[in-house]
Protein backbone atom coordinates (compact mmCIF):
# COMPACT_ATOMS: atom_id res chain seq x y z
CA UNK A 1 -11.14 18.74 -11.78
CA UNK A 2 -11.56 22.50 -11.44
CA UNK A 3 -15.33 22.10 -11.82
CA UNK A 4 -15.47 20.15 -8.58
CA UNK A 5 -14.01 23.07 -6.61
CA UNK A 6 -16.51 25.30 -4.86
CA UNK A 7 -16.21 28.82 -3.47
CA UNK A 8 -18.18 30.47 -0.70
CA UNK A 9 -20.16 33.49 -1.83
CA UNK A 10 -18.26 36.04 0.25
CA UNK A 11 -15.64 38.60 -0.59
CA UNK A 12 -12.07 37.48 -1.28
CA UNK A 13 -9.86 37.36 1.77
CA UNK A 14 -12.76 36.81 4.12
CA UNK A 15 -12.20 33.83 6.41
CA UNK A 16 -13.98 30.85 4.91
CA UNK A 17 -13.79 32.24 1.36
CA UNK A 18 -11.03 29.88 0.25
CA UNK A 19 -11.75 27.48 -2.57
CA UNK A 20 -12.35 23.98 -1.32
CA UNK A 21 -12.34 20.46 -2.72
CA UNK A 22 -15.60 18.77 -1.73
CA UNK A 23 -15.53 20.85 1.47
CA UNK A 24 -11.86 20.08 2.15
CA UNK A 25 -8.74 22.27 1.73
CA UNK A 26 -7.87 22.87 -1.89
CA UNK A 27 -4.50 21.23 -1.46
CA UNK A 28 -6.38 17.94 -1.18
CA UNK A 29 -7.19 18.25 -4.90
CA UNK A 30 -3.46 18.41 -5.72
CA UNK A 31 -2.65 15.39 -3.58
CA UNK A 32 -5.75 13.55 -4.82
CA UNK A 33 -4.73 13.94 -8.48
CA UNK A 34 -1.05 13.22 -7.85
CA UNK A 35 -1.85 10.03 -6.00
CA UNK A 36 -4.43 9.05 -8.60
CA UNK A 37 -1.86 9.13 -11.42
CA UNK A 38 0.84 7.53 -9.30
CA UNK A 39 -1.54 4.69 -8.41
CA UNK A 40 -2.49 4.41 -12.10
CA UNK A 41 1.15 3.71 -12.90
CA UNK A 42 1.74 1.48 -9.88
CA UNK A 43 -1.38 -0.69 -10.09
CA UNK A 44 -1.13 -1.00 -13.85
CA UNK A 45 2.37 -2.40 -13.51
CA UNK A 46 1.27 -4.52 -10.52
CA UNK A 47 -1.63 -6.05 -12.47
CA UNK A 48 0.78 -7.10 -15.21
CA UNK A 49 3.60 -8.27 -12.95
CA UNK A 50 2.49 -11.80 -11.86
CA UNK A 51 1.06 -12.53 -15.31
CA UNK A 52 4.27 -11.40 -17.02
CA UNK A 53 6.34 -13.52 -14.63
CA UNK A 54 4.46 -16.75 -15.52
CA UNK A 55 3.72 -16.02 -19.19
CA UNK A 56 5.61 -17.96 -21.90
CA UNK A 57 6.17 -14.61 -23.60
CA UNK A 58 7.36 -13.11 -20.32
CA UNK A 59 9.82 -14.61 -17.86
CA UNK A 60 7.97 -17.98 -17.85
CA UNK A 61 8.55 -18.72 -14.13
CA UNK A 62 6.63 -21.15 -11.93
CA UNK A 63 3.59 -19.93 -9.97
CA UNK A 64 5.44 -20.20 -6.63
CA UNK A 65 8.43 -18.24 -7.97
CA UNK A 66 6.13 -15.56 -9.41
CA UNK A 67 4.25 -15.25 -6.12
CA UNK A 68 7.53 -15.01 -4.22
CA UNK A 69 8.86 -12.22 -6.48
CA UNK A 70 5.52 -10.38 -6.40
CA UNK A 71 5.23 -10.63 -2.60
CA UNK A 72 8.84 -9.64 -1.94
CA UNK A 73 8.46 -6.70 -4.32
CA UNK A 74 5.34 -5.47 -2.49
CA UNK A 75 7.09 -6.03 0.84
CA UNK A 76 10.02 -3.92 -0.37
CA UNK A 77 7.75 -1.09 -1.57
CA UNK A 78 6.24 -0.73 1.88
CA UNK A 79 9.51 -1.41 3.73
CA UNK A 80 11.10 1.54 1.94
CA UNK A 81 8.28 3.81 3.11
CA UNK A 82 10.08 4.01 6.46
CA UNK A 83 13.39 5.42 5.14
CA UNK A 84 11.21 7.52 2.84
CA UNK A 85 9.62 9.13 5.89
CA UNK A 86 13.04 9.50 7.55
CA UNK A 87 14.43 11.16 4.39
CA UNK A 88 11.63 13.74 4.49
CA UNK A 89 12.00 14.32 8.24
CA UNK A 90 15.78 14.74 8.14
CA UNK A 91 16.80 15.84 4.61
CA UNK A 92 14.31 17.30 2.11
CA UNK A 93 10.90 17.68 3.73
CA UNK A 94 7.74 15.92 2.46
CA UNK A 95 7.04 18.08 -0.62
CA UNK A 96 10.50 17.89 -2.21
CA UNK A 97 10.77 14.19 -1.33
CA UNK A 98 7.52 13.43 -3.20
CA UNK A 99 8.79 15.31 -6.27
CA UNK A 100 12.00 13.25 -6.29
CA UNK A 101 9.96 10.07 -5.75
CA UNK A 102 7.82 10.74 -8.81
CA UNK A 103 10.91 11.08 -10.99
CA UNK A 104 12.44 7.82 -9.67
CA UNK A 105 9.17 5.90 -10.20
CA UNK A 106 8.91 7.17 -13.77
CA UNK A 107 12.48 6.06 -14.51
CA UNK A 108 11.71 2.66 -12.98
CA UNK A 109 8.72 2.09 -15.26
CA UNK A 110 10.76 3.18 -18.27
CA UNK A 111 13.42 0.61 -17.28
CA UNK A 112 10.71 -2.09 -17.06
CA UNK A 113 9.64 -1.08 -20.57
CA UNK A 114 13.03 -2.13 -21.98
CA UNK A 115 12.75 -5.60 -23.62
CA UNK A 116 15.43 -7.20 -21.46
CA UNK A 117 15.11 -9.56 -18.49
CA UNK A 118 18.43 -8.18 -17.22
CA UNK A 119 16.97 -4.71 -16.64
CA UNK A 120 13.61 -5.99 -15.37
CA UNK A 121 14.65 -6.41 -11.73
CA UNK A 122 16.48 -3.06 -11.78
CA UNK A 123 13.22 -1.44 -12.90
CA UNK A 124 11.33 -3.13 -10.07
CA UNK A 125 13.96 -1.82 -7.64
CA UNK A 126 13.60 1.76 -8.88
CA UNK A 127 9.81 1.65 -8.64
CA UNK A 128 10.08 0.24 -5.12
CA UNK A 129 12.51 2.99 -4.04
CA UNK A 130 10.37 5.75 -5.55
CA UNK A 131 7.17 4.34 -4.07
CA UNK A 132 8.83 4.14 -0.65
CA UNK A 133 9.83 7.80 -0.87
CA UNK A 134 6.32 8.82 -1.91
CA UNK A 135 3.92 6.72 0.13
CA UNK A 136 4.41 7.94 3.69
CA UNK A 137 5.02 11.54 2.73
CA UNK A 138 2.00 12.16 0.54
CA UNK A 139 -0.23 10.77 3.32
CA UNK A 140 1.55 13.03 5.82
CA UNK A 141 0.83 16.03 3.59
CA UNK A 142 -2.86 15.14 3.62
CA UNK A 143 -2.68 15.31 7.43
CA UNK A 144 -0.97 18.74 7.20
CA UNK A 145 -4.06 20.18 5.49
CA UNK A 146 -6.13 19.86 8.67
CA UNK A 147 -6.11 21.64 12.01
CA UNK A 148 -4.74 18.83 14.15
CA UNK A 149 -6.10 15.37 15.02
CA UNK A 150 -9.41 16.78 16.28
CA UNK A 151 -10.40 18.46 12.99
CA UNK A 152 -13.78 16.78 12.21
CA UNK A 153 -12.98 16.79 8.46
CA UNK A 154 -9.79 14.73 8.90
CA UNK A 155 -11.20 11.19 8.56
CA UNK A 156 -13.38 12.32 5.64
CA UNK A 157 -10.34 13.88 3.96
CA UNK A 158 -8.44 10.62 4.11
CA UNK A 159 -11.49 8.84 2.69
CA UNK A 160 -11.66 11.28 -0.26
CA UNK A 161 -7.91 10.81 -0.76
CA UNK A 162 -8.48 7.05 -0.70
CA UNK A 163 -11.00 7.41 -3.53
CA UNK A 164 -8.27 9.10 -5.60
CA UNK A 165 -6.03 6.11 -5.00
CA UNK A 166 -8.72 3.76 -6.20
CA UNK A 167 -9.73 5.85 -9.21
CA UNK A 168 -6.21 5.39 -10.58
CA UNK A 169 -6.16 1.76 -9.51
CA UNK A 170 -9.47 1.10 -11.31
CA UNK A 171 -8.41 2.59 -14.66
CA UNK A 172 -4.93 1.06 -14.65
CA UNK A 173 -5.72 -2.63 -15.33
CA UNK A 174 -8.29 -1.66 -17.98
CA UNK A 175 -5.73 0.41 -19.89
CA UNK A 176 -2.26 -0.83 -18.94
CA UNK A 177 -3.41 -4.42 -18.36
CA UNK A 178 -5.20 -4.66 -21.70
CA UNK A 179 -2.25 -3.23 -23.66
CA UNK A 180 0.26 -5.35 -21.76
CA UNK A 181 -1.62 -8.65 -22.12
CA UNK A 182 -3.00 -8.20 -25.62
CA UNK A 183 -0.40 -6.04 -27.41
CA UNK A 184 3.00 -6.01 -25.70
CA UNK A 185 4.10 -6.44 -22.09
CA UNK A 186 6.74 -3.73 -22.27
CA UNK A 187 4.40 -1.23 -23.93
CA UNK A 188 2.14 -1.72 -20.91
CA UNK A 189 5.03 -0.85 -18.60
CA UNK A 190 5.75 2.24 -20.76
CA UNK A 191 2.16 3.42 -20.23
CA UNK A 192 2.79 3.14 -16.48
CA UNK A 193 5.72 5.56 -16.93
CA UNK A 194 3.41 7.99 -18.75
CA UNK A 195 0.94 7.83 -15.87
CA UNK A 196 3.64 8.75 -13.35
CA UNK A 197 4.82 11.60 -15.57
CA UNK A 198 1.28 13.05 -15.53
CA UNK A 199 1.15 12.66 -11.74
CA UNK A 200 4.46 14.44 -11.29
CA UNK A 201 3.36 17.31 -13.54
CA UNK A 202 0.10 17.66 -11.58
CA UNK A 203 2.02 17.79 -8.30
CA UNK A 204 4.47 20.45 -9.47
CA UNK A 205 1.67 22.63 -10.86
CA UNK A 206 -0.51 22.40 -7.74
CA UNK A 207 2.16 22.45 -5.02
CA UNK A 208 1.35 26.09 -4.10
CA UNK A 209 -1.93 24.90 -2.55
CA UNK A 210 -0.18 22.63 -0.04
CA UNK A 211 0.26 23.57 3.60
CA UNK A 212 3.53 25.32 4.43
CA UNK A 213 4.36 22.53 6.89
CA UNK A 214 4.95 20.26 3.88
CA UNK A 215 8.08 22.30 3.02
CA UNK A 216 9.54 22.03 6.51
CA UNK A 217 12.33 19.60 7.39
CA UNK A 218 11.26 18.79 10.99
CA UNK A 219 14.61 17.54 12.33
CA UNK A 220 17.33 18.35 9.75
CA UNK A 221 20.60 16.47 9.82
CA UNK A 222 23.65 18.36 11.02
CA UNK A 223 26.72 18.48 8.80
CA UNK A 224 28.36 15.79 10.94
CA UNK A 225 25.25 13.58 10.78
CA UNK A 226 25.10 13.95 6.98
CA UNK A 227 28.73 12.89 6.64
CA UNK A 228 28.26 9.94 8.99
CA UNK A 229 25.05 8.77 7.25
CA UNK A 230 26.66 8.99 3.81
CA UNK A 231 29.74 7.12 5.02
CA UNK A 232 27.69 4.30 6.57
CA UNK A 233 25.46 4.05 3.50
CA UNK A 234 28.42 3.75 1.13
CA UNK A 235 30.02 1.17 3.43
CA UNK A 236 26.95 -1.09 3.43
CA UNK A 237 26.60 -0.64 -0.34
CA UNK A 238 30.21 -1.71 -0.82
CA UNK A 239 29.74 -4.76 1.43
CA UNK A 240 26.66 -5.84 -0.55
CA UNK A 241 28.45 -5.29 -3.88
CA UNK A 242 31.46 -7.36 -2.83
CA UNK A 243 29.30 -10.14 -1.39
CA UNK A 244 27.07 -10.51 -4.46
CA UNK A 245 30.04 -10.22 -6.81
CA UNK A 246 31.67 -13.13 -4.97
CA UNK A 247 28.49 -15.21 -5.10
CA UNK A 248 28.03 -14.43 -8.79
CA UNK A 249 31.60 -15.20 -9.86
CA UNK A 250 31.56 -18.43 -7.86
CA UNK A 251 28.62 -19.66 -9.96
CA UNK A 252 26.30 -20.12 -6.97
CA UNK A 253 24.01 -17.14 -7.58
CA UNK A 254 20.27 -17.74 -7.85
CA UNK A 255 17.36 -15.34 -7.40
CA UNK A 256 16.88 -16.62 -3.84
CA UNK A 257 20.14 -14.88 -2.86
CA UNK A 258 18.13 -11.67 -3.27
CA UNK A 259 14.65 -12.85 -2.29
CA UNK A 260 15.53 -14.56 1.00
CA UNK A 261 17.46 -11.63 2.57
CA UNK A 262 14.73 -9.17 1.52
CA UNK A 263 12.05 -11.43 2.98
CA UNK A 264 13.90 -11.76 6.28
CA UNK A 265 14.40 -7.99 6.40
CA UNK A 266 10.66 -7.58 5.77
CA UNK A 267 9.96 -9.57 8.93
CA UNK A 268 12.80 -8.40 11.20
CA UNK A 269 12.79 -4.65 10.49
CA UNK A 270 9.11 -4.04 11.42
CA UNK A 271 9.69 -5.70 14.81
CA UNK A 272 12.93 -3.79 15.35
CA UNK A 273 11.42 -0.41 14.43
CA UNK A 274 8.40 -0.80 16.70
CA UNK A 275 10.67 -1.92 19.57
CA UNK A 276 13.04 1.02 19.01
CA UNK A 277 10.24 3.59 19.17
CA UNK A 278 8.71 1.87 22.17
CA UNK A 279 12.04 2.01 24.04
CA UNK A 280 12.60 5.72 23.29
CA UNK A 281 12.96 7.33 26.74
CA UNK A 282 12.14 10.79 25.38
CA UNK A 283 8.49 9.81 24.78
CA UNK A 284 6.17 10.82 27.61
CA UNK A 285 3.82 8.43 29.39
CA UNK A 286 0.84 9.21 27.13
CA UNK A 287 2.89 8.64 23.95
CA UNK A 288 4.26 5.38 25.32
CA UNK A 289 0.73 4.20 26.13
CA UNK A 290 -0.49 5.04 22.64
CA UNK A 291 2.43 3.12 21.14
CA UNK A 292 1.46 0.08 23.23
CA UNK A 293 -2.06 0.31 21.79
CA UNK A 294 -0.70 0.84 18.30
CA UNK A 295 1.10 -2.53 18.40
CA UNK A 296 -2.32 -4.24 18.45
CA UNK A 297 -3.39 -2.38 15.31
CA UNK A 298 -0.05 -3.13 13.67
CA UNK A 299 -0.30 -6.90 14.20
CA UNK A 300 -3.94 -6.93 13.06
CA UNK A 301 -3.04 -5.01 9.91
CA UNK A 302 -0.12 -7.37 9.13
CA UNK A 303 -2.44 -10.40 9.22
CA UNK A 304 -5.00 -8.55 7.11
CA UNK A 305 -2.53 -7.55 4.38
CA UNK A 306 -0.94 -10.99 4.27
CA UNK A 307 -4.22 -12.34 2.89
CA UNK A 308 -5.53 -9.26 1.12
CA UNK A 309 -2.47 -8.68 -1.08
CA UNK A 310 -2.72 -12.20 -2.46
CA UNK A 311 -5.58 -10.82 -4.53
CA UNK A 312 -2.92 -9.66 -6.97
CA UNK A 313 -0.83 -12.83 -6.93
CA UNK A 314 -2.50 -16.03 -5.65
CA UNK A 315 -5.94 -15.11 -6.98
CA UNK A 316 -4.59 -13.66 -10.22
CA UNK A 317 -2.52 -16.75 -11.02
CA UNK A 318 -5.51 -18.94 -10.11
CA UNK A 319 -7.64 -16.92 -12.53
CA UNK A 320 -5.05 -17.32 -15.28
CA UNK A 321 -4.88 -21.10 -14.86
CA UNK A 322 -8.23 -22.25 -13.47
CA UNK A 323 -11.00 -19.68 -14.01
CA UNK A 324 -13.49 -19.09 -16.80
CA UNK A 325 -12.67 -15.44 -17.43
CA UNK A 326 -15.81 -14.60 -19.35
CA UNK A 327 -18.97 -12.54 -18.86
CA UNK A 328 -21.98 -13.60 -21.01
CA UNK A 329 -19.59 -15.45 -23.32
CA UNK A 330 -17.23 -12.47 -23.71
CA UNK A 331 -13.64 -13.15 -22.61
CA UNK A 332 -11.74 -10.44 -20.79
CA UNK A 333 -8.04 -10.05 -19.79
CA UNK A 334 -7.12 -11.58 -16.44
CA UNK A 335 -5.61 -8.26 -15.28
CA UNK A 336 -9.14 -6.79 -15.28
CA UNK A 337 -9.88 -8.57 -12.01
CA UNK A 338 -7.62 -5.99 -10.39
CA UNK A 339 -10.17 -3.29 -11.26
CA UNK A 340 -12.90 -4.99 -9.23
CA UNK A 341 -11.59 -3.87 -5.85
CA UNK A 342 -11.06 -0.18 -6.72
CA UNK A 343 -14.46 0.21 -8.40
CA UNK A 344 -16.06 -1.31 -5.30
CA UNK A 345 -14.03 1.06 -3.13
CA UNK A 346 -15.30 4.05 -5.09
CA UNK A 347 -18.86 2.82 -4.78
CA UNK A 348 -18.71 1.87 -1.10
CA UNK A 349 -16.26 4.40 0.43
CA UNK A 350 -18.76 7.30 0.36
CA UNK A 351 -21.36 4.98 1.90
CA UNK A 352 -18.96 4.03 4.70
CA UNK A 353 -17.93 7.67 5.26
CA UNK A 354 -21.60 8.69 5.52
CA UNK A 355 -22.38 5.73 7.78
CA UNK A 356 -19.51 6.50 10.18
CA UNK A 357 -20.63 10.13 10.38
CA UNK A 358 -24.29 9.24 10.93
CA UNK A 359 -23.39 6.69 13.59
CA UNK A 360 -21.06 9.20 15.25
CA UNK A 361 -23.84 11.78 15.49
CA UNK A 362 -26.06 9.14 17.03
CA UNK A 363 -23.27 8.17 19.44
CA UNK A 364 -23.10 4.66 18.00
CA UNK A 365 -20.04 4.70 15.73
CA UNK A 366 -17.93 1.52 16.21
CA UNK A 367 -14.54 2.15 17.76
CA UNK A 368 -11.36 1.82 15.72
CA UNK A 369 -10.74 -1.49 17.48
CA UNK A 370 -14.12 -2.92 16.44
CA UNK A 371 -13.54 -1.76 12.85
CA UNK A 372 -10.19 -3.51 12.76
CA UNK A 373 -11.53 -6.76 14.21
CA UNK A 374 -14.36 -6.71 11.65
CA UNK A 375 -11.84 -6.28 8.83
CA UNK A 376 -9.86 -9.31 9.97
CA UNK A 377 -12.95 -11.50 10.17
CA UNK A 378 -14.04 -10.37 6.71
CA UNK A 379 -10.68 -11.03 5.05
CA UNK A 380 -10.71 -14.47 6.65
CA UNK A 381 -14.23 -15.05 5.33
CA UNK A 382 -13.02 -14.12 1.82
CA UNK A 383 -10.52 -17.00 1.88
CA UNK A 384 -13.13 -19.40 3.23
CA UNK A 385 -15.13 -18.34 0.14
CA UNK A 386 -12.03 -18.99 -1.99
CA UNK A 387 -12.28 -22.67 -1.05
CA UNK A 388 -15.33 -23.04 -3.35
CA UNK A 389 -13.59 -22.15 -6.67
CA UNK A 390 -10.52 -24.11 -5.54
CA UNK A 391 -12.75 -27.15 -5.06
CA UNK A 392 -14.31 -26.65 -8.51
CA UNK A 393 -10.85 -26.43 -10.09
CA UNK A 394 -9.69 -29.58 -8.30
CA UNK A 395 -12.67 -31.35 -9.86
CA UNK A 396 -11.24 -30.57 -13.29
CA UNK A 397 -13.59 -27.68 -14.12
CA UNK A 398 -13.07 -23.98 -14.69
CA UNK A 399 -14.40 -21.79 -11.86
CA UNK A 400 -16.84 -19.03 -12.81
CA UNK A 401 -15.53 -15.45 -12.78
CA UNK A 402 -18.19 -14.41 -10.27
CA UNK A 403 -16.53 -16.51 -7.57
CA UNK A 404 -13.49 -14.28 -7.79
CA UNK A 405 -15.62 -11.14 -7.92
CA UNK A 406 -17.37 -12.27 -4.72
CA UNK A 407 -14.01 -12.80 -3.00
CA UNK A 408 -12.85 -9.31 -3.98
CA UNK A 409 -16.16 -7.88 -2.74
CA UNK A 410 -15.77 -9.36 0.75
CA UNK A 411 -12.14 -8.23 0.89
CA UNK A 412 -13.12 -4.71 -0.15
CA UNK A 413 -15.66 -4.38 2.65
CA UNK A 414 -12.94 -5.55 5.03
CA UNK A 415 -10.46 -3.08 3.56
CA UNK A 416 -12.80 -0.16 4.21
CA UNK A 417 -12.84 -1.01 7.91
CA UNK A 418 -9.04 -1.24 8.10
CA UNK A 419 -7.09 0.87 5.60
CA UNK A 420 -8.46 4.47 5.74
CA UNK A 421 -9.11 4.03 9.46
CA UNK A 422 -5.54 2.79 9.96
CA UNK A 423 -4.06 5.75 8.07
CA UNK A 424 -6.05 8.17 10.19
CA UNK A 425 -5.38 6.50 13.55
CA UNK A 426 -1.65 6.40 12.75
CA UNK A 427 -1.53 10.18 12.31
CA UNK A 428 -3.54 10.61 15.54
CA UNK A 429 -1.40 8.27 17.66
CA UNK A 430 2.02 9.16 16.24
CA UNK A 431 4.48 10.68 18.74
CA UNK A 432 5.45 14.18 17.53
CA UNK A 433 9.08 13.08 17.24
CA UNK A 434 8.15 10.44 14.64
CA UNK A 435 5.61 12.37 12.53
CA UNK A 436 6.42 11.27 8.97
CA UNK A 437 8.18 8.09 10.12
CA UNK A 438 5.01 6.75 11.77
CA UNK A 439 3.30 6.66 8.40
CA UNK A 440 6.22 4.49 7.33
CA UNK A 441 5.63 2.30 10.40
CA UNK A 442 1.98 1.82 9.32
CA UNK A 443 3.16 0.62 5.92
CA UNK A 444 5.57 -1.79 7.64
CA UNK A 445 2.50 -3.80 8.62
CA UNK A 446 2.00 -4.42 4.89
CA UNK A 447 5.70 -5.31 4.63
CA UNK A 448 5.38 -7.93 7.38
CA UNK A 449 2.28 -9.45 5.80
CA UNK A 450 3.72 -9.61 2.28
CA UNK A 451 7.08 -10.87 3.56
CA UNK A 452 5.28 -13.78 5.23
CA UNK A 453 3.61 -14.63 1.93
CA UNK A 454 6.96 -14.35 0.16
CA UNK A 455 8.65 -16.63 2.69
CA UNK A 456 5.97 -19.28 2.23
CA UNK A 457 6.35 -19.10 -1.56
CA UNK A 458 10.15 -19.29 -1.40
CA UNK A 459 9.74 -22.41 0.75
CA UNK A 460 7.69 -23.91 -2.09
CA UNK A 461 4.29 -23.73 -0.37
CA UNK A 462 1.43 -23.81 -2.88
CA UNK A 463 -0.71 -20.86 -1.78
CA UNK A 464 -3.49 -22.08 -4.05
CA UNK A 465 -3.72 -25.28 -2.02
CA UNK A 466 -6.99 -25.75 -0.14
CA UNK A 467 -5.28 -26.61 3.15
CA UNK A 468 -3.10 -23.48 3.11
CA UNK A 469 -6.04 -21.23 2.13
CA UNK A 470 -8.19 -22.69 4.92
CA UNK A 471 -5.35 -22.20 7.43
CA UNK A 472 -4.88 -18.55 6.47
CA UNK A 473 -8.63 -17.92 6.68
CA UNK A 474 -8.80 -19.47 10.14
CA UNK A 475 -5.81 -17.42 11.34
CA UNK A 476 -7.47 -14.15 10.26
CA UNK A 477 -10.77 -14.94 11.95
CA UNK A 478 -9.04 -15.97 15.19
CA UNK A 479 -6.98 -12.75 15.13
CA UNK A 480 -10.14 -10.68 14.60
CA UNK A 481 -11.92 -12.32 17.52
CA UNK A 482 -8.84 -11.85 19.74
CA UNK A 483 -8.65 -8.12 18.96
CA UNK A 484 -12.35 -7.75 19.79
CA UNK A 485 -12.04 -9.65 23.06
CA UNK A 486 -9.24 -7.35 24.27
CA UNK A 487 -10.87 -4.14 23.03
CA UNK A 488 -11.30 -2.59 26.49
CA UNK A 489 -7.61 -3.05 27.29
CA UNK A 490 -6.59 -1.42 23.99
CA UNK A 491 -9.05 1.46 24.49
CA UNK A 492 -7.50 2.24 27.88
CA UNK A 493 -4.04 2.43 26.25
CA UNK A 494 -5.24 4.73 23.45
CA UNK A 495 -6.02 7.59 25.84
CA UNK A 496 -8.04 10.31 24.14
CA UNK A 497 -7.84 8.75 20.66
CA UNK A 498 -11.03 7.05 19.46
């Protein structure tokens, strides 16, 4: 990676002589590589997860149960991003929190690698906790590298960072997925642990290039607050332990005793958090207005991710059961479908970044609102497209692999109008009081979307049914049109943010 760093031809110490990473602060290289390896571990495990859950050699669950577990797990990962941001704001600061997160994620993958169904869910829990600690804070540190919201490099920096995410996500199914499916499931999970170990090492080596703000604890807890927080945390932990022990010893325990509460939390907590911030009297009028506008983006993102994240569950299980997973007669592992999206991201993200810049110079760049509405319409269109292979499968035939590739393509174009833009607009619109926590709020949109999917699966809804797929597609398109129709109202609430 050192070869991609450039240096201005001026004397050391002269302003502008610092090494850069594709024209961005050098600290972006550290965060880029850390996130790349973390995503390698995460997406490798995620590609294996639904397949392992339904496989005879895995947990051999039904498709609806596997989708429920997968969706609730994803919901939990993003739900925990909020306390992860709080932990950085009040206890350790972003940099130390990310270091701790890397260690927890690595331990989680090692636990998944143990050949025991009893430890499997504990491993998922550890990965979810570590990912929650990492996600909001590493994105916040990217924002720290730039000179405020008006730095013209900021959106481009998040786009470069997003490429790092997808570079790891692309390689993961090809390596971890292949080993897991063709050799041994638990060896695949062990490779995910190795990936996180490399990411953690990269972060510790390159941490000196990060902005000093990443070491700051913005609003540290007082001694009294620490004692109160610890006391409340232990109390709730004890209540949960007693409750589940009683359920278990009574012989009534099933997996739904865990899945249903987590799903409900995934729906209730996002609403509660947004309402709590909105009611904060210490926010000035401009911050309150921006939060009102942000609610529109939040709802739009929740609908988007509800459909998009089924690419790893609903579509993957469909591919396992009903698709012809071959190219020119050569059969490939089902997990490889999960590499389609990231390779398209890497190909298209620079094109989108260039297009936004060119349109901006010409004064014609679409607003954030228009980008979001386009993303919703596109993700809806992807599920309308999904109806074709579903129809082929219902006719008793195997659907061609290219149908699935086409679906992932449409979703990827939609993602590029929602995800990097959403990360950037969140940092721009966040009230100063909720700096790191607002990144957690952005990820709560994913929580709400995945929790909805999980709730449907727990209720026994077949998400591969044509009626359900058509309904979801219609919902997304309607939401996209609604956001576009009210764009002027949202723009007025956003103030100076565009």
